[in-house]
C-alpha atoms as a PDB file:
ATOM      1  CA  MET A   1     -21.778  26.571  -0.924  1.00  0.00           C
ATOM      2  CA  LYS A   2     -20.793  27.327  -4.398  1.00  0.00           C
ATOM      3  CA  ASN A   3     -18.915  24.290  -5.627  1.00  0.00           C
ATOM      4  CA  ILE A   4     -20.485  20.854  -5.549  1.00  0.00           C
ATOM      5  CA  LEU A   5     -19.151  17.473  -6.673  1.00  0.00           C
ATOM      6  CA  LEU A   6     -21.830  14.951  -7.726  1.00  0.00           C
ATOM      7  CA  LEU A   7     -20.750  11.316  -7.639  1.00  0.00           C
ATOM      8  CA  ASN A   8     -23.043   8.923  -9.403  1.00  0.00           C
ATOM      9  CA  GLY A   9     -22.614   5.449  -8.123  1.00  0.00           C
ATOM     10  CA  SER A  10     -25.389   3.860 -10.286  1.00  0.00           C
ATOM     11  CA  LYS A  11     -24.599   0.670 -12.208  1.00  0.00           C
ATOM     12  CA  SER A  12     -26.454  -1.670 -14.471  1.00  0.00           C
ATOM     13  CA  PHE A  13     -26.262  -4.934 -12.777  1.00  0.00           C
ATOM     14  CA  GLY A  14     -28.498  -7.990 -12.265  1.00  0.00           C
ATOM     15  CA  HIS A  15     -32.144  -6.756 -12.286  1.00  0.00           C
ATOM     16  CA  SER A  16     -31.048  -3.082 -11.832  1.00  0.00           C
ATOM     17  CA  GLY A  17     -30.708  -0.782 -14.829  1.00  0.00           C
ATOM     18  CA  GLY A  18     -29.523   2.159 -12.719  1.00  0.00           C
ATOM     19  CA  LYS A  19     -32.136   4.427 -14.203  1.00  0.00           C
ATOM     20  CA  LEU A  20     -33.553   5.813 -10.990  1.00  0.00           C
ATOM     21  CA  ASN A  21     -30.118   6.835  -9.687  1.00  0.00           C
ATOM     22  CA  ASP A  22     -29.164   8.352 -12.979  1.00  0.00           C
ATOM     23  CA  THR A  23     -32.470  10.314 -12.875  1.00  0.00           C
ATOM     24  CA  LEU A  24     -31.830  11.548  -9.314  1.00  0.00           C
ATOM     25  CA  HIS A  25     -28.154  12.406 -10.260  1.00  0.00           C
ATOM     26  CA  ASN A  26     -29.628  14.610 -13.141  1.00  0.00           C
ATOM     27  CA  VAL A  27     -32.222  16.118 -10.806  1.00  0.00           C
ATOM     28  CA  ALA A  28     -29.406  17.182  -8.439  1.00  0.00           C
ATOM     29  CA  LYS A  29     -27.378  18.641 -11.256  1.00  0.00           C
ATOM     30  CA  GLU A  30     -30.183  20.588 -12.693  1.00  0.00           C
ATOM     31  CA  THR A  31     -31.576  21.841  -9.357  1.00  0.00           C
ATOM     32  CA  LEU A  32     -28.079  22.989  -8.125  1.00  0.00           C
ATOM     33  CA  GLU A  33     -27.118  24.662 -11.361  1.00  0.00           C
ATOM     34  CA  SER A  34     -30.529  26.453 -11.414  1.00  0.00           C
ATOM     35  CA  LEU A  35     -29.479  27.939  -8.075  1.00  0.00           C
ATOM     36  CA  GLY A  36     -26.221  29.234  -9.532  1.00  0.00           C
ATOM     37  CA  LEU A  37     -23.925  26.591  -8.054  1.00  0.00           C
ATOM     38  CA  ASN A  38     -20.937  25.199  -9.864  1.00  0.00           C
ATOM     39  CA  VAL A  39     -21.450  21.558 -10.352  1.00  0.00           C
ATOM     40  CA  SER A  40     -18.691  18.943 -11.330  1.00  0.00           C
ATOM     41  CA  GLU A  41     -19.752  15.341 -11.673  1.00  0.00           C
ATOM     42  CA  THR A  42     -18.273  11.836 -12.020  1.00  0.00           C
ATOM     43  CA  ARG A  43     -20.223   8.912 -13.188  1.00  0.00           C
ATOM     44  CA  ILE A  44     -18.113   6.299 -11.415  1.00  0.00           C
ATOM     45  CA  ASP A  45     -18.930   3.358 -13.632  1.00  0.00           C
ATOM     46  CA  LYS A  46     -17.770   5.235 -16.773  1.00  0.00           C
ATOM     47  CA  GLY A  47     -14.292   5.541 -15.292  1.00  0.00           C
ATOM     48  CA  TYR A  48     -12.253   8.324 -13.720  1.00  0.00           C
ATOM     49  CA  ASP A  49      -8.778   9.631 -13.242  1.00  0.00           C
ATOM     50  CA  ILE A  50      -7.804   9.229  -9.591  1.00  0.00           C
ATOM     51  CA  GLU A  51      -5.639  12.314  -9.278  1.00  0.00           C
ATOM     52  CA  SER A  52      -8.359  14.378 -10.957  1.00  0.00           C
ATOM     53  CA  GLU A  53     -10.901  13.082  -8.450  1.00  0.00           C
ATOM     54  CA  VAL A  54      -8.639  14.141  -5.590  1.00  0.00           C
ATOM     55  CA  GLN A  55      -8.534  17.594  -7.126  1.00  0.00           C
ATOM     56  CA  LYS A  56     -12.277  17.742  -7.618  1.00  0.00           C
ATOM     57  CA  ILE A  57     -12.836  16.991  -3.875  1.00  0.00           C
ATOM     58  CA  LEU A  58     -10.273  19.716  -2.979  1.00  0.00           C
ATOM     59  CA  ASP A  59     -12.091  22.203  -5.287  1.00  0.00           C
ATOM     60  CA  SER A  60     -15.629  21.390  -3.899  1.00  0.00           C
ATOM     61  CA  GLU A  61     -17.290  22.574  -0.731  1.00  0.00           C
ATOM     62  CA  ALA A  62     -19.609  19.476  -0.732  1.00  0.00           C
ATOM     63  CA  ILE A  63     -19.850  16.028  -2.222  1.00  0.00           C
ATOM     64  CA  ILE A  64     -23.195  14.434  -2.998  1.00  0.00           C
ATOM     65  CA  TYR A  65     -23.294  10.733  -3.683  1.00  0.00           C
ATOM     66  CA  GLN A  66     -26.086   9.204  -5.599  1.00  0.00           C
ATOM     67  CA  MET A  67     -26.172   5.397  -5.201  1.00  0.00           C
ATOM     68  CA  PRO A  68     -28.456   2.392  -4.714  1.00  0.00           C
ATOM     69  CA  GLY A  69     -28.386   0.255  -1.638  1.00  0.00           C
ATOM     70  CA  TRP A  70     -27.084  -3.198  -2.639  1.00  0.00           C
ATOM     71  CA  TRP A  71     -26.727  -5.979  -0.140  1.00  0.00           C
ATOM     72  CA  MET A  72     -26.896  -3.638   2.820  1.00  0.00           C
ATOM     73  CA  GLY A  73     -24.507  -0.958   1.528  1.00  0.00           C
ATOM     74  CA  GLU A  74     -22.937   0.837  -1.458  1.00  0.00           C
ATOM     75  CA  PRO A  75     -22.166  -0.822  -4.697  1.00  0.00           C
ATOM     76  CA  TRP A  76     -18.636  -2.016  -5.062  1.00  0.00           C
ATOM     77  CA  ILE A  77     -17.747   0.550  -7.622  1.00  0.00           C
ATOM     78  CA  VAL A  78     -18.441   3.292  -4.906  1.00  0.00           C
ATOM     79  CA  LYS A  79     -16.252   1.470  -2.373  1.00  0.00           C
ATOM     80  CA  LYS A  80     -13.453   1.071  -4.943  1.00  0.00           C
ATOM     81  CA  TYR A  81     -13.682   4.802  -5.853  1.00  0.00           C
ATOM     82  CA  ILE A  82     -13.347   5.677  -2.132  1.00  0.00           C
ATOM     83  CA  ASP A  83     -10.444   3.323  -1.647  1.00  0.00           C
ATOM     84  CA  GLU A  84      -8.525   4.582  -4.660  1.00  0.00           C
ATOM     85  CA  VAL A  85      -9.270   8.284  -4.356  1.00  0.00           C
ATOM     86  CA  PHE A  86      -9.036   8.695  -0.553  1.00  0.00           C
ATOM     87  CA  SER A  87      -5.821   6.636  -0.440  1.00  0.00           C
ATOM     88  CA  THR A  88      -4.187   8.593  -3.242  1.00  0.00           C
ATOM     89  CA  GLY A  89      -5.287  11.822  -1.420  1.00  0.00           C
ATOM     90  CA  ALA A  90      -2.848  11.162   1.410  1.00  0.00           C
ATOM     91  CA  GLY A  91      -1.180  14.481   2.295  1.00  0.00           C
ATOM     92  CA  LYS A  92      -3.997  16.438   0.696  1.00  0.00           C
ATOM     93  CA  LEU A  93      -7.184  14.937   2.051  1.00  0.00           C
ATOM     94  CA  TYR A  94      -5.629  13.712   5.294  1.00  0.00           C
ATOM     95  CA  ALA A  95      -2.237  14.058   6.956  1.00  0.00           C
ATOM     96  CA  ASN A  96      -2.307  10.732   8.937  1.00  0.00           C
ATOM     97  CA  ASP A  97      -4.635   8.889  11.290  1.00  0.00           C
ATOM     98  CA  GLY A  98      -4.330  11.750  13.785  1.00  0.00           C
ATOM     99  CA  ARG A  99      -2.478  10.062  16.608  1.00  0.00           C
ATOM    100  CA  SER A 100       0.837  11.299  18.010  1.00  0.00           C
ATOM    101  CA  ARG A 101       3.426   9.593  20.147  1.00  0.00           C
ATOM    102  CA  GLU A 102       4.233  12.968  21.645  1.00  0.00           C
ATOM    103  CA  ASP A 103       0.622  14.019  22.334  1.00  0.00           C
ATOM    104  CA  VAL A 104      -1.604  11.205  23.441  1.00  0.00           C
ATOM    105  CA  SER A 105      -4.624  13.593  23.439  1.00  0.00           C
ATOM    106  CA  LYS A 106      -4.683  13.351  19.638  1.00  0.00           C
ATOM    107  CA  LYS A 107      -7.030  10.539  18.875  1.00  0.00           C
ATOM    108  CA  TYR A 108      -7.427   8.168  15.896  1.00  0.00           C
ATOM    109  CA  GLY A 109      -9.386   9.788  13.071  1.00  0.00           C
ATOM    110  CA  SER A 110      -8.397  13.331  13.796  1.00  0.00           C
ATOM    111  CA  GLY A 111      -5.832  13.804  10.944  1.00  0.00           C
ATOM    112  CA  GLY A 112      -8.253  15.003   8.277  1.00  0.00           C
ATOM    113  CA  LEU A 113      -7.222  18.069   6.164  1.00  0.00           C
ATOM    114  CA  VAL A 114     -10.543  18.894   4.525  1.00  0.00           C
ATOM    115  CA  LYS A 115     -12.426  20.148   7.677  1.00  0.00           C
ATOM    116  CA  ASP A 116     -14.202  22.784   5.620  1.00  0.00           C
ATOM    117  CA  LYS A 117     -16.063  20.312   3.408  1.00  0.00           C
ATOM    118  CA  LYS A 118     -19.284  18.490   3.617  1.00  0.00           C
ATOM    119  CA  TYR A 119     -20.782  15.288   2.143  1.00  0.00           C
ATOM    120  CA  MET A 120     -24.214  13.818   1.544  1.00  0.00           C
ATOM    121  CA  PHE A 121     -25.651  10.485   0.656  1.00  0.00           C
ATOM    122  CA  SER A 122     -28.673  10.170  -1.612  1.00  0.00           C
ATOM    123  CA  LEU A 123     -29.801   6.670  -1.573  1.00  0.00           C
ATOM    124  CA  THR A 124     -32.274   4.333  -3.254  1.00  0.00           C
ATOM    125  CA  TRP A 125     -33.603   1.222  -1.454  1.00  0.00           C
ATOM    126  CA  ASN A 126     -36.301  -1.316  -1.998  1.00  0.00           C
ATOM    127  CA  ALA A 127     -36.551  -1.547   1.801  1.00  0.00           C
ATOM    128  CA  PRO A 128     -39.319   0.509   3.386  1.00  0.00           C
ATOM    129  CA  LEU A 129     -38.263   3.246   5.750  1.00  0.00           C
ATOM    130  CA  GLU A 130     -39.616   1.342   8.754  1.00  0.00           C
ATOM    131  CA  ALA A 131     -37.090  -1.495   8.059  1.00  0.00           C
ATOM    132  CA  PHE A 132     -34.408   1.034   9.105  1.00  0.00           C
ATOM    133  CA  ASN A 133     -36.183   2.891  11.897  1.00  0.00           C
ATOM    134  CA  GLU A 134     -38.289   0.445  13.844  1.00  0.00           C
ATOM    135  CA  LYS A 135     -36.516  -1.721  16.540  1.00  0.00           C
ATOM    136  CA  GLU A 136     -38.361  -4.921  15.630  1.00  0.00           C
ATOM    137  CA  GLN A 137     -37.615  -4.658  11.891  1.00  0.00           C
ATOM    138  CA  PHE A 138     -34.624  -5.793   9.856  1.00  0.00           C
ATOM    139  CA  PHE A 139     -32.112  -3.047  10.732  1.00  0.00           C
ATOM    140  CA  GLU A 140     -33.119  -3.108  14.395  1.00  0.00           C
ATOM    141  CA  GLY A 141     -33.865   0.656  14.583  1.00  0.00           C
ATOM    142  CA  VAL A 142     -30.433   1.847  13.760  1.00  0.00           C
ATOM    143  CA  GLY A 143     -31.720   4.093  11.024  1.00  0.00           C
ATOM    144  CA  VAL A 144     -30.260   4.620   7.558  1.00  0.00           C
ATOM    145  CA  ASP A 145     -27.288   6.577   8.904  1.00  0.00           C
ATOM    146  CA  GLY A 146     -26.471   3.594  11.191  1.00  0.00           C
ATOM    147  CA  VAL A 147     -26.467   1.262   8.244  1.00  0.00           C
ATOM    148  CA  TYR A 148     -23.982   3.666   6.559  1.00  0.00           C
ATOM    149  CA  LEU A 149     -21.830   4.304   9.595  1.00  0.00           C
ATOM    150  CA  HIS A 150     -18.698   2.945   7.815  1.00  0.00           C
ATOM    151  CA  LEU A 151     -19.158   5.486   4.975  1.00  0.00           C
ATOM    152  CA  HIS A 152     -19.791   8.336   7.346  1.00  0.00           C
ATOM    153  CA  LYS A 153     -16.600   7.449   9.229  1.00  0.00           C
ATOM    154  CA  ALA A 154     -14.602   7.285   6.004  1.00  0.00           C
ATOM    155  CA  HIS A 155     -15.577  10.928   5.227  1.00  0.00           C
ATOM    156  CA  GLN A 156     -15.164  12.100   8.772  1.00  0.00           C
ATOM    157  CA  PHE A 157     -11.650  10.564   8.851  1.00  0.00           C
ATOM    158  CA  LEU A 158     -10.873  13.273   6.198  1.00  0.00           C
ATOM    159  CA  GLY A 159     -12.449  15.960   8.465  1.00  0.00           C
ATOM    160  CA  MET A 160     -15.713  16.289   6.472  1.00  0.00           C
ATOM    161  CA  LYS A 161     -19.088  16.990   8.082  1.00  0.00           C
ATOM    162  CA  PRO A 162     -22.308  15.217   7.122  1.00  0.00           C
ATOM    163  CA  LEU A 163     -25.353  16.839   5.490  1.00  0.00           C
ATOM    164  CA  PRO A 164     -28.716  15.087   6.080  1.00  0.00           C
ATOM    165  CA  THR A 165     -29.112  11.809   4.079  1.00  0.00           C
ATOM    166  CA  PHE A 166     -31.849  11.546   1.517  1.00  0.00           C
ATOM    167  CA  ILE A 167     -33.412   8.128   0.885  1.00  0.00           C
ATOM    168  CA  CYS A 168     -36.019   6.901  -1.539  1.00  0.00           C
ATOM    169  CA  ASN A 169     -37.725   3.705  -0.232  1.00  0.00           C
ATOM    170  CA  ASP A 170     -39.829   0.972  -1.745  1.00  0.00           C
ATOM    171  CA  VAL A 171     -38.226   1.666  -5.205  1.00  0.00           C
ATOM    172  CA  ILE A 172     -39.040  -1.793  -6.622  1.00  0.00           C
ATOM    173  CA  LYS A 173     -42.227  -2.805  -4.699  1.00  0.00           C
ATOM    174  CA  ASN A 174     -43.904   0.485  -4.801  1.00  0.00           C
ATOM    175  CA  PRO A 175     -41.992   3.018  -6.857  1.00  0.00           C
ATOM    176  CA  GLN A 176     -43.091   6.689  -6.581  1.00  0.00           C
ATOM    177  CA  VAL A 177     -40.555   8.389  -9.061  1.00  0.00           C
ATOM    178  CA  GLU A 178     -42.349  11.716  -9.276  1.00  0.00           C
ATOM    179  CA  LYS A 179     -42.571  12.003  -5.469  1.00  0.00           C
ATOM    180  CA  TYR A 180     -38.882  11.058  -5.140  1.00  0.00           C
ATOM    181  CA  ILE A 181     -37.925  13.751  -7.599  1.00  0.00           C
ATOM    182  CA  LYS A 182     -40.098  16.443  -5.874  1.00  0.00           C
ATOM    183  CA  ASP A 183     -38.806  15.398  -2.402  1.00  0.00           C
ATOM    184  CA  TYR A 184     -35.270  15.470  -3.538  1.00  0.00           C
ATOM    185  CA  LYS A 185     -35.439  18.937  -4.974  1.00  0.00           C
ATOM    186  CA  VAL A 186     -36.886  20.157  -1.568  1.00  0.00           C
ATOM    187  CA  HIS A 187     -34.097  18.300   0.260  1.00  0.00           C
ATOM    188  CA  LEU A 188     -31.314  19.896  -1.942  1.00  0.00           C
ATOM    189  CA  ILE A 189     -32.731  23.379  -1.502  1.00  0.00           C
ATOM    190  CA  ASN A 190     -32.955  22.800   2.225  1.00  0.00           C
ATOM    191  CA  ILE A 191     -29.383  21.566   2.625  1.00  0.00           C
ATOM    192  CA  LEU A 192     -28.090  24.761   0.973  1.00  0.00           C
ATOM    193  CA  LYS A 193     -29.381  26.633   3.959  1.00  0.00           C
ATOM    194  CA  ILE A 194     -27.152  24.529   6.270  1.00  0.00           C
END
């Protein structure tokens, strides 16, 4: 990978100032640039030009989202970004939904045009990791990627492939910012080997 798009989904809202997500976004930018990669970035809450964002996706080999987990998913600004940018990308990011009246073997979700691209989620949650992974806990053992199935499928609809998700847990009850930073740098270096 040489060209990476960083999407920062942090937002100051309620009790959240967005500082941890801003910090991790900057860690990703500095780490990737230090490895000689070209990094473009969008701080979603500061606004964006939709057509320019489509082009940024086309110009990138991977997209990395940095965002908090709010009410069991992404902040609304991230969903709005995806709705606007992916829909505007019709004909560039995806041809259609993939189905064909002439060829019934073509299935829904197979019309993506960016099959050479990857995506990754970097997430911050107050929930502990066991809340995602243990069957008797809140998310009933589906794991973090199960909680984000809808976002995975949105990217896979375009033909993209996932990179391993990164998650920081207990960010309010037991914050470990230096550990998050260290672990994230290692994670980023490891995904470049994929």
